[in-house]
Protein backbone atom coordinates (compact mmCIF):
# COMPACT_ATOMS: atom_id res chain seq x y z
CA UNK A 1 97.99 60.36 59.67
CA UNK A 2 96.35 56.90 59.63
CA UNK A 3 97.30 53.13 60.16
CA UNK A 4 95.11 50.44 60.31
CA UNK A 5 94.02 48.85 63.34
CA UNK A 6 96.20 46.11 63.00
CA UNK A 7 99.53 48.38 63.38
CA UNK A 8 98.39 50.39 65.94
CA UNK A 9 101.39 51.70 68.12
CA UNK A 10 102.14 50.40 71.52
CA UNK A 11 100.65 51.93 74.29
CA UNK A 12 103.17 54.22 76.28
CA UNK A 13 104.35 52.44 79.40
CA UNK A 14 104.06 55.69 81.23
CA UNK A 15 100.15 56.50 79.60
CA UNK A 16 98.35 57.44 82.62
CA UNK A 17 100.91 59.79 83.54
CA UNK A 18 101.13 60.71 79.94
CA UNK A 19 97.73 61.66 80.22
CA UNK A 20 97.77 63.52 83.46
CA UNK A 21 100.56 65.72 81.93
CA UNK A 22 98.56 66.41 79.20
CA UNK A 23 95.63 67.39 80.92
CA UNK A 24 97.17 69.70 83.25
CA UNK A 25 98.08 72.26 80.46
CA UNK A 26 94.14 72.44 79.60
CA UNK A 27 95.10 73.20 76.06
CA UNK A 28 92.37 70.55 74.16
CA UNK A 29 89.57 72.26 72.56
CA UNK A 30 90.70 75.54 72.93
CA UNK A 31 90.66 78.31 70.46
CA UNK A 32 93.18 78.75 67.62
CA UNK A 33 96.26 80.97 68.96
CA UNK A 34 98.81 83.16 67.03
CA UNK A 35 101.43 81.82 68.71
CA UNK A 36 101.03 78.28 67.64
CA UNK A 37 100.16 79.45 64.46
CA UNK A 38 103.19 81.10 63.74
CA UNK A 39 105.14 77.94 64.83
CA UNK A 40 103.18 75.81 61.88
CA UNK A 41 103.86 78.27 59.27
CA UNK A 42 107.39 78.46 60.04
CA UNK A 43 107.18 74.21 60.18
CA UNK A 44 105.74 74.37 56.57
CA UNK A 45 108.46 77.04 55.26
CA UNK A 46 111.68 75.19 56.61
CA UNK A 47 110.01 71.73 55.29
CA UNK A 48 108.89 72.57 52.44
CA UNK A 49 105.71 70.95 53.70
CA UNK A 50 101.72 71.63 52.49
CA UNK A 51 100.73 69.91 55.53
CA UNK A 52 101.83 71.05 59.16
CA UNK A 53 100.01 70.10 62.67
CA UNK A 54 100.64 70.57 66.19
CA UNK A 55 98.70 67.80 68.15
CA UNK A 56 97.95 66.44 70.84
CA UNK A 57 97.30 62.75 71.74
CA UNK A 58 94.41 62.02 73.92
CA UNK A 59 93.36 58.88 75.31
CA UNK A 60 91.28 57.96 72.04
CA UNK A 61 92.13 60.92 69.82
CA UNK A 62 94.47 63.14 68.46
CA UNK A 63 93.47 66.76 68.65
CA UNK A 64 94.42 69.73 66.55
CA UNK A 65 95.44 73.00 68.23
CA UNK A 66 97.29 74.29 65.01
CA UNK A 67 96.77 73.24 61.65
CA UNK A 68 97.88 73.83 58.09
CA UNK A 69 96.46 72.22 55.01
CA UNK A 70 93.60 70.17 56.98
CA UNK A 71 90.38 71.28 57.55
CA UNK A 72 89.44 68.55 60.59
CA UNK A 73 90.06 69.17 64.28
CA UNK A 74 90.90 66.01 65.30
CA UNK A 75 91.36 62.49 63.88
CA UNK A 76 91.05 58.96 65.80
CA UNK A 77 94.21 58.36 67.61
CA UNK A 78 94.51 54.01 66.40
CA UNK A 79 94.89 55.32 62.76
CA UNK A 80 97.44 58.07 63.38
CA UNK A 81 101.26 58.40 62.30
CA UNK A 82 101.83 59.90 65.25
CA UNK A 83 100.78 57.38 67.72
CA UNK A 84 104.60 56.11 66.70
CA UNK A 85 105.88 59.43 67.36
CA UNK A 86 105.07 59.68 70.85
CA UNK A 87 106.70 56.40 71.61
CA UNK A 88 110.44 57.56 70.84
CA UNK A 89 112.18 60.29 71.49
CA UNK A 90 113.59 61.17 68.24
CA UNK A 91 112.33 62.37 65.08
CA UNK A 92 109.85 59.86 63.47
CA UNK A 93 109.85 59.95 59.79
CA UNK A 94 108.37 57.75 56.69
CA UNK A 95 109.52 58.65 53.51
CA UNK A 96 107.21 56.97 51.49
CA UNK A 97 103.86 55.41 53.55
CA UNK A 98 103.36 52.78 50.56
CA UNK A 99 106.16 51.22 51.60
CA UNK A 100 105.84 50.73 55.01
CA UNK A 101 103.30 47.92 56.10
CA UNK A 102 102.13 49.86 58.98
CA UNK A 103 100.67 52.56 56.89
CA UNK A 104 100.43 51.14 53.41
CA UNK A 105 96.59 50.55 54.20
CA UNK A 106 96.00 53.48 56.09
CA UNK A 107 92.83 55.70 55.13
CA UNK A 108 94.88 58.80 54.83
CA UNK A 109 97.24 57.48 52.58
CA UNK A 110 94.98 55.40 50.22
CA UNK A 111 92.64 58.24 50.09
CA UNK A 112 92.85 62.32 51.18
CA UNK A 113 94.68 63.77 51.63
CA UNK A 114 97.32 60.75 50.14
CA UNK A 115 100.10 60.82 52.28
CA UNK A 116 103.26 59.81 51.25
CA UNK A 117 105.94 61.52 53.36
CA UNK A 118 105.44 62.36 57.21
CA UNK A 119 107.95 63.82 59.70
CA UNK A 120 106.70 64.47 63.64
CA UNK A 121 108.75 65.13 66.57
CA UNK A 122 107.42 64.45 70.24
CA UNK A 123 106.12 67.43 72.21
CA UNK A 124 108.31 66.17 75.41
CA UNK A 125 107.20 68.20 78.55
CA UNK A 126 109.98 69.08 81.69
CA UNK A 127 109.31 65.97 83.12
CA UNK A 128 109.89 63.51 80.22
CA UNK A 129 106.09 63.10 78.92
CA UNK A 130 105.04 63.35 75.02
CA UNK A 131 102.07 64.81 74.90
CA UNK A 132 101.47 65.41 71.52
CA UNK A 133 103.71 65.63 68.00
CA UNK A 134 104.47 68.78 65.72
CA UNK A 135 104.48 66.93 62.43
CA UNK A 136 105.04 67.34 58.67
CA UNK A 137 103.83 65.57 55.55
CA UNK A 138 103.28 65.49 52.26
CA UNK A 139 101.96 63.75 48.99
CA UNK A 140 105.33 63.28 47.32
CA UNK A 141 107.68 60.88 48.71
CA UNK A 142 110.68 62.59 50.32
CA UNK A 143 112.73 62.87 53.48
CA UNK A 144 113.92 65.88 55.78
CA UNK A 145 118.06 66.77 55.78
CA UNK A 146 119.86 67.49 59.18
CA UNK A 147 119.25 71.13 59.01
CA UNK A 148 115.08 70.55 58.71
CA UNK A 149 115.45 68.09 61.36
CA UNK A 150 117.10 70.43 63.80
CA UNK A 151 114.76 73.39 63.35
CA UNK A 152 111.29 70.95 63.18
CA UNK A 153 112.79 69.95 67.04
CA UNK A 154 113.62 73.38 67.88
CA UNK A 155 110.27 74.40 66.91
CA UNK A 156 108.89 71.63 68.78
CA UNK A 157 110.67 72.64 71.91
CA UNK A 158 108.76 76.24 71.68
CA UNK A 159 105.35 74.51 71.38
CA UNK A 160 106.16 73.05 74.76
CA UNK A 161 107.47 76.17 75.74
CA UNK A 162 104.31 77.91 75.08
CA UNK A 163 102.18 75.22 76.89
CA UNK A 164 104.79 75.82 79.94
CA UNK A 165 103.89 79.47 79.89
CA UNK A 166 100.26 79.38 79.59
CA UNK A 167 100.25 76.71 82.34
CA UNK A 168 102.36 78.93 84.72
CA UNK A 169 100.16 82.14 83.83
CA UNK A 170 97.12 80.21 84.55
CA UNK A 171 98.39 79.25 88.10
CA UNK A 172 99.46 82.70 88.85
CA UNK A 173 96.29 83.82 88.33
CA UNK A 174 94.84 80.94 90.64
CA UNK A 175 97.35 81.93 93.18
CA UNK A 176 96.72 85.56 92.88
CA UNK A 177 92.90 85.02 93.01
CA UNK A 178 93.52 82.91 95.80
CA UNK A 179 95.83 85.50 97.44
CA UNK A 180 93.18 88.05 96.84
CA UNK A 181 90.46 86.12 98.48
CA UNK A 182 92.67 85.42 101.62
CA UNK A 183 93.49 88.73 101.71
CA UNK A 184 89.37 90.18 101.18
CA UNK A 185 88.84 87.37 104.13
CA UNK A 186 91.23 88.70 105.96
CA UNK A 187 90.55 92.18 105.68
CA UNK A 188 86.67 91.09 106.24
CA UNK A 189 88.19 89.81 109.53
CA UNK A 190 90.15 92.12 110.79
CA UNK A 191 87.46 94.60 110.02
CA UNK A 192 84.45 92.47 111.72
CA UNK A 193 86.67 91.37 114.81
CA UNK A 194 87.75 95.39 115.22
CA UNK A 195 84.09 96.26 115.27
CA UNK A 196 82.98 93.62 117.72
CA UNK A 197 86.34 94.30 119.76
CA UNK A 198 86.27 98.17 119.68
CA UNK A 199 82.09 98.18 120.78
CA UNK A 200 82.80 97.07 124.29
CA UNK A 201 86.14 99.13 124.67
CA UNK A 202 84.02 102.39 123.09
CA UNK A 203 81.47 101.15 126.27
CA UNK A 204 84.11 100.89 128.59
CA UNK A 205 85.53 104.28 127.84
CA UNK A 206 82.02 105.76 127.72
CA UNK A 207 81.33 104.14 131.32
CA UNK A 208 84.77 105.74 132.75
CA UNK A 209 84.23 109.00 130.65
CA UNK A 210 80.49 108.84 133.03
CA UNK A 211 82.17 107.47 136.06
CA UNK A 212 84.94 110.59 135.71
CA UNK A 213 82.21 113.16 136.16
CA UNK A 214 80.74 111.84 139.38
CA UNK A 215 82.22 112.73 142.91
CA UNK A 216 84.82 110.32 143.34
CA UNK A 217 87.68 109.46 146.05
CA UNK A 218 91.25 110.33 144.87
CA UNK A 219 92.01 106.57 144.62
CA UNK A 220 88.51 105.70 142.61
CA UNK A 221 89.52 108.29 140.38
CA UNK A 222 92.75 106.94 139.70
CA UNK A 223 91.61 103.28 139.20
CA UNK A 224 89.06 105.19 136.59
CA UNK A 225 91.75 107.29 135.23
CA UNK A 226 93.96 103.79 134.49
CA UNK A 227 91.13 102.26 133.01
CA UNK A 228 90.51 104.76 130.52
CA UNK A 229 94.28 105.14 129.51
CA UNK A 230 94.51 101.50 128.75
CA UNK A 231 90.89 101.58 126.81
CA UNK A 232 92.44 104.24 124.84
CA UNK A 233 95.55 102.26 124.34
CA UNK A 234 93.80 99.38 123.13
CA UNK A 235 91.31 101.38 120.82
CA UNK A 236 94.95 102.54 119.10
CA UNK A 237 95.99 99.47 118.68
CA UNK A 238 93.26 98.02 116.88
CA UNK A 239 93.06 100.87 114.87
CA UNK A 240 96.80 100.50 113.92
CA UNK A 241 96.36 96.70 112.87
CA UNK A 242 92.89 97.63 110.94
CA UNK A 243 94.51 100.33 109.05
CA UNK A 244 97.73 97.95 108.22
CA UNK A 245 95.57 95.18 107.50
CA UNK A 246 93.88 97.29 104.70
CA UNK A 247 97.19 99.06 103.14
CA UNK A 248 98.72 95.39 102.89
CA UNK A 249 95.24 94.07 101.17
CA UNK A 250 95.29 96.95 98.52
CA UNK A 251 91.68 98.47 100.72
CA UNK A 252 92.78 101.37 101.91
CA UNK A 253 91.08 104.17 100.21
CA UNK A 254 91.97 107.70 99.37
CA UNK A 255 89.53 110.23 99.50
CA UNK A 256 90.83 113.76 97.11
CA UNK A 257 89.02 116.64 98.56
CA UNK A 258 90.11 120.42 98.76
CA UNK A 259 90.71 121.62 102.39
CA UNK A 260 93.31 124.32 103.95
CA UNK A 261 96.53 122.89 105.05
CA UNK A 262 96.98 125.68 107.35
CA UNK A 263 93.94 124.67 109.25
CA UNK A 264 94.75 121.11 109.54
CA UNK A 265 98.30 121.98 110.54
CA UNK A 266 96.56 124.35 113.30
CA UNK A 267 94.15 121.40 114.26
CA UNK A 268 97.65 118.91 114.90
CA UNK A 269 99.04 121.54 116.65
CA UNK A 270 96.45 122.31 119.24
CA UNK A 271 95.67 118.48 119.82
CA UNK A 272 99.12 118.40 121.70
CA UNK A 273 99.63 121.77 122.94
CA UNK A 274 98.18 120.63 126.30
CA UNK A 275 100.40 117.37 126.32
CA UNK A 276 103.46 119.56 125.58
CA UNK A 277 102.90 121.43 128.86
CA UNK A 278 101.92 118.47 130.74
CA UNK A 279 105.27 116.89 129.82
CA UNK A 280 107.22 120.33 130.19
CA UNK A 281 108.04 120.56 126.31
CA UNK A 282 108.75 123.57 124.32
CA UNK A 283 106.05 123.12 121.27
CA UNK A 284 106.29 125.47 118.54
CA UNK A 285 104.70 125.78 114.56
CA UNK A 286 107.77 126.98 112.28
CA UNK A 287 107.39 128.27 109.06
CA UNK A 288 106.35 131.53 106.86
CA UNK A 289 102.48 131.19 108.03
CA UNK A 290 99.50 131.82 105.27
CA UNK A 291 95.99 132.75 106.25
CA UNK A 292 95.66 129.93 104.18
CA UNK A 293 96.58 127.08 101.67
CA UNK A 294 93.45 125.62 99.85
CA UNK A 295 95.15 121.97 98.28
CA UNK A 296 93.82 118.21 97.10
CA UNK A 297 94.50 115.36 98.95
CA UNK A 298 92.98 113.26 101.80
CA UNK A 299 92.66 115.58 104.20
CA UNK A 300 92.29 112.65 107.22
CA UNK A 301 95.00 110.27 105.94
CA UNK A 302 97.30 113.57 105.95
CA UNK A 303 96.58 114.35 109.84
CA UNK A 304 96.70 110.43 110.44
CA UNK A 305 100.27 110.57 109.10
CA UNK A 306 100.96 113.79 111.02
CA UNK A 307 99.38 112.88 114.29
CA UNK A 308 101.31 110.01 114.95
CA UNK A 309 104.98 111.57 113.58
CA UNK A 310 103.86 114.29 116.48
CA UNK A 311 102.88 111.51 118.88
CA UNK A 312 106.06 109.88 118.36
CA UNK A 313 108.16 112.88 118.60
CA UNK A 314 106.40 113.35 122.21
CA UNK A 315 106.50 109.93 123.25
CA UNK A 316 110.10 109.46 122.86
CA UNK A 317 111.32 113.08 123.70
CA UNK A 318 111.70 113.60 127.92
CA UNK A 319 113.19 117.21 127.34
CA UNK A 320 113.51 119.70 124.98
CA UNK A 321 111.23 120.42 122.15
CA UNK A 322 108.97 119.35 119.48
CA UNK A 323 108.37 121.24 116.44
CA UNK A 324 106.19 120.84 113.15
CA UNK A 325 107.97 123.45 110.50
CA UNK A 326 106.54 123.64 107.12
CA UNK A 327 108.04 125.08 104.10
CA UNK A 328 105.51 126.10 101.06
CA UNK A 329 106.62 126.62 97.34
CA UNK A 330 104.07 127.70 94.60
CA UNK A 331 105.15 126.81 91.31
CA UNK A 332 104.63 129.47 88.32
CA UNK A 333 101.65 128.19 87.15
CA UNK A 334 100.12 128.65 90.44
CA UNK A 335 98.47 124.89 90.13
CA UNK A 336 100.92 123.01 92.24
CA UNK A 337 102.55 123.26 95.36
CA UNK A 338 106.03 121.65 96.79
CA UNK A 339 105.00 121.19 100.18
CA UNK A 340 107.73 120.10 103.22
CA UNK A 341 106.36 119.30 106.63
CA UNK A 342 109.14 118.36 109.35
CA UNK A 343 108.32 117.11 112.69
CA UNK A 344 111.42 117.77 114.57
CA UNK A 345 112.13 116.80 118.00
CA UNK A 346 115.28 116.55 120.40
CA UNK A 347 114.31 112.99 122.15
CA UNK A 348 116.49 109.45 122.22
CA UNK A 349 117.13 109.51 118.67
CA UNK A 350 117.19 106.30 116.42
CA UNK A 351 120.38 103.82 115.72
CA UNK A 352 121.80 104.41 112.36
CA UNK A 353 121.28 100.67 111.62
CA UNK A 354 117.81 101.01 112.35
CA UNK A 355 116.98 103.81 110.14
CA UNK A 356 116.53 101.62 106.68
CA UNK A 357 114.01 99.35 108.32
CA UNK A 358 112.17 101.77 110.64
CA UNK A 359 109.46 101.87 108.43
CA UNK A 360 108.65 98.17 107.75
CA UNK A 361 105.95 96.70 109.44
CA UNK A 362 106.31 95.50 113.47
CA UNK A 363 110.21 97.15 113.46
CA UNK A 364 111.16 98.88 116.90
CA UNK A 365 114.20 99.85 118.08
CA UNK A 366 115.37 97.01 120.26
CA UNK A 367 113.18 95.36 123.14
CA UNK A 368 114.13 97.26 125.66
CA UNK A 369 112.62 100.66 124.22
CA UNK A 370 110.00 98.23 123.30
CA UNK A 371 109.21 97.45 126.76
CA UNK A 372 109.14 101.28 127.69
CA UNK A 373 107.20 102.93 125.51
CA UNK A 374 104.84 100.18 123.84
CA UNK A 375 103.18 100.24 120.88
CA UNK A 376 103.02 97.86 117.62
CA UNK A 377 105.58 98.81 115.62
CA UNK A 378 103.09 99.66 112.89
CA UNK A 379 102.62 103.64 113.06
CA UNK A 380 105.47 104.23 111.08
CA UNK A 381 104.85 101.40 108.34
CA UNK A 382 101.07 102.68 107.75
CA UNK A 383 102.00 106.22 107.90
CA UNK A 384 104.83 105.42 104.84
CA UNK A 385 101.92 103.55 103.07
CA UNK A 386 99.69 105.96 103.58
CA UNK A 387 101.96 108.92 102.21
CA UNK A 388 102.95 107.05 99.32
CA UNK A 389 99.26 106.25 98.28
CA UNK A 390 99.15 110.15 98.00
CA UNK A 391 102.28 110.98 96.46
CA UNK A 392 103.96 111.91 99.27
CA UNK A 393 107.76 110.78 100.29
CA UNK A 394 108.19 110.20 103.98
CA UNK A 395 111.84 110.00 105.14
CA UNK A 396 114.03 110.80 108.46
CA UNK A 397 117.05 111.92 109.93
CA UNK A 398 118.42 111.01 113.34
CA UNK A 399 121.22 111.47 115.80
CA UNK A 400 121.03 108.91 118.66
CA UNK A 401 120.63 111.16 121.81
CA UNK A 402 120.16 114.37 120.18
CA UNK A 403 116.65 113.84 118.18
CA UNK A 404 114.70 112.60 114.61
CA UNK A 405 113.45 114.58 112.16
CA UNK A 406 110.55 113.05 109.88
CA UNK A 407 109.67 114.82 106.79
CA UNK A 408 106.48 114.42 104.57
CA UNK A 409 107.53 115.99 101.27
CA UNK A 410 105.27 116.24 97.92
CA UNK A 411 104.33 118.30 94.81
CA UNK A 412 100.40 118.66 95.73
CA UNK A 413 97.78 120.18 93.28
CA UNK A 414 96.45 123.48 94.51
CA UNK A 415 93.04 124.23 94.92
CA UNK A 416 90.79 127.51 95.69
CA UNK A 417 88.33 128.01 98.33
CA UNK A 418 85.01 127.60 96.83
CA UNK A 419 85.95 123.95 96.32
CA UNK A 420 86.23 123.32 99.89
CA UNK A 421 83.28 121.11 100.19
CA UNK A 422 82.21 122.57 103.40
CA UNK A 423 83.29 125.81 106.26
CA UNK A 424 82.45 125.67 109.59
CA UNK A 425 79.20 127.28 110.31
CA UNK A 426 77.86 128.71 113.64
CA UNK A 427 74.76 126.67 114.64
CA UNK A 428 72.06 129.05 115.51
CA UNK A 429 69.30 128.46 118.32
CA UNK A 430 65.77 127.31 116.83
CA UNK A 431 63.42 130.73 117.44
CA UNK A 432 60.08 129.15 116.70
CA UNK A 433 59.56 129.11 120.90
CA UNK A 434 60.23 124.99 120.94
CA UNK A 435 62.40 123.80 123.30
CA UNK A 436 64.94 121.85 122.06
CA UNK A 437 64.61 119.28 125.18
CA UNK A 438 61.07 118.54 123.98
CA UNK A 439 62.45 116.75 120.73
CA UNK A 440 61.58 113.38 120.85
CA UNK A 441 64.45 111.20 120.11
CA UNK A 442 64.51 107.73 119.06
CA UNK A 443 67.82 105.45 119.22
CA UNK A 444 68.45 102.12 117.42
CA UNK A 445 71.21 100.33 119.20
CA UNK A 446 71.41 96.90 119.57
CA UNK A 447 74.32 96.66 122.34
CA UNK A 448 73.24 96.65 125.75
CA UNK A 449 75.97 98.73 127.24
CA UNK A 450 75.78 101.51 124.63
CA UNK A 451 72.10 101.65 124.92
CA UNK A 452 72.47 102.34 128.77
CA UNK A 453 75.54 105.18 127.48
CA UNK A 454 73.46 106.95 125.05
CA UNK A 455 70.61 106.98 127.32
CA UNK A 456 72.69 108.52 130.42
CA UNK A 457 74.27 110.71 128.00
CA UNK A 458 71.07 112.29 126.28
CA UNK A 459 69.31 112.30 129.66
CA UNK A 460 71.97 114.66 131.26
CA UNK A 461 71.38 116.89 128.70
CA UNK A 462 68.06 117.33 129.37
CA UNK A 463 66.59 114.56 126.73
CA UNK A 464 64.28 111.49 127.75
CA UNK A 465 65.12 109.35 124.74
CA UNK A 466 63.24 105.95 123.49
CA UNK A 467 65.79 103.15 123.10
CA UNK A 468 64.77 100.40 120.44
CA UNK A 469 67.20 97.40 119.79
CA UNK A 470 66.19 96.74 116.22
CA UNK A 471 64.97 98.16 113.09
CA UNK A 472 61.68 96.67 113.44
CA UNK A 473 60.68 98.18 116.80
CA UNK A 474 62.52 101.57 115.09
CA UNK A 475 59.91 101.48 112.53
CA UNK A 476 57.13 100.21 114.69
CA UNK A 477 57.87 103.05 116.94
CA UNK A 478 57.96 105.43 114.28
CA UNK A 479 54.83 104.86 112.45
CA UNK A 480 52.74 104.50 115.98
CA UNK A 481 53.96 107.57 117.66
CA UNK A 482 56.29 109.38 115.53
CA UNK A 483 59.70 110.98 116.75
CA UNK A 484 62.02 114.47 115.53
CA UNK A 485 65.38 112.81 115.87
CA UNK A 486 65.93 109.37 114.67
CA UNK A 487 69.71 107.77 115.30
CA UNK A 488 70.50 104.79 113.59
CA UNK A 489 73.34 102.74 114.73
CA UNK A 490 75.01 101.05 111.34
CA UNK A 491 75.94 97.50 112.58
CA UNK A 492 72.39 97.60 114.65
CA UNK A 493 70.60 94.05 113.09
CA UNK A 494 66.99 94.28 111.17
């Protein structure tokens, strides 16, 4: 393993690049690993050698990733046999070190382990740098046959393959971590921006709501309606972008709770009933309607999907009908139910060539449809993602100019009504004689527009609220004057 300093091997011409390649693996000083120890064991068996090393050659030392027969982890580079191995591409073999002037005075030849035979093959990276060796040695003079040399070379290739795999896995982890961090930052950015943009939009909608209750001239009322419609459109676009960013970054949460599916379907139906009359479209629910069907999934996300599908159906249907059809098949064990909910329309339909990409983000039928009907092209992508998160399938069939059918289906666990978190309760008035208008109301809100809106709404209801701008002011008011009802806006500072 060693030679006198007078017989040190020449430094490779590409030493700097070689060391860079070695250090890129980050193998030196790592713990033993079975995948490398198994290779040294095979080499020991094939070459019939009591000593085997996987050595990495650093600037001034040899460090052993795997070793058989040695009880040390490293030696100086300038007394090693392996320093000669890395300056060539073939196996470097010494049959009898005592007869080679480069090694006859080597401390590992003259002393333990009394090396006589050495054979090493370089560990060559895919870029051609010899970063170390796989070597065998013995206390008796001998040589390797061609078969042993071939297998030793194959084993050295496997060592490098393992190095490369470790490196690639580490790089993939880093890429994944960077991607996760980017997605996290992106989601946080969208969440923050969504809040910052939605706050003034809510302010605009709140003001238009107050204006619409005033006595306005027809032209003024038309302007207010335009502002409200476009404000709602902007709010929907923001919600779509935020939801899609959450889905894309795997930060969308599903809350599994027990609820009545029939109540949810009726809620969706009632939500669009007036709109259907306004568009002069027939709107109906079709199916055997049990009084209730208690299931366990996320009611808010399921409702979001259905509202999006029904909204699309009305958007793209100018005449005819829209329907919500459903089928329930309770399984024999009474613990699960196969559910199919279809939203059918007699609208413009979808070209066959567009059906395959319909659920992809930002996909719309064509520019003319986009110009006429608007939208981000995110609604169906969001619905598809949400459906899959809840173990539903979302599929579609369509015929151009005849209409479309969107179906959400899946096998869902049944639940008992007792598992439903809450039932609607009628609020009874206070009977202790205290007027509800006499309640002391405190609101903490740092947005001036929202302050004005909240104050106006509460004053219209007969209250005289106190509005403060931050938590410190709110605590001071509570401590000095007290309050009966306290509204704390989540994003309010301090």
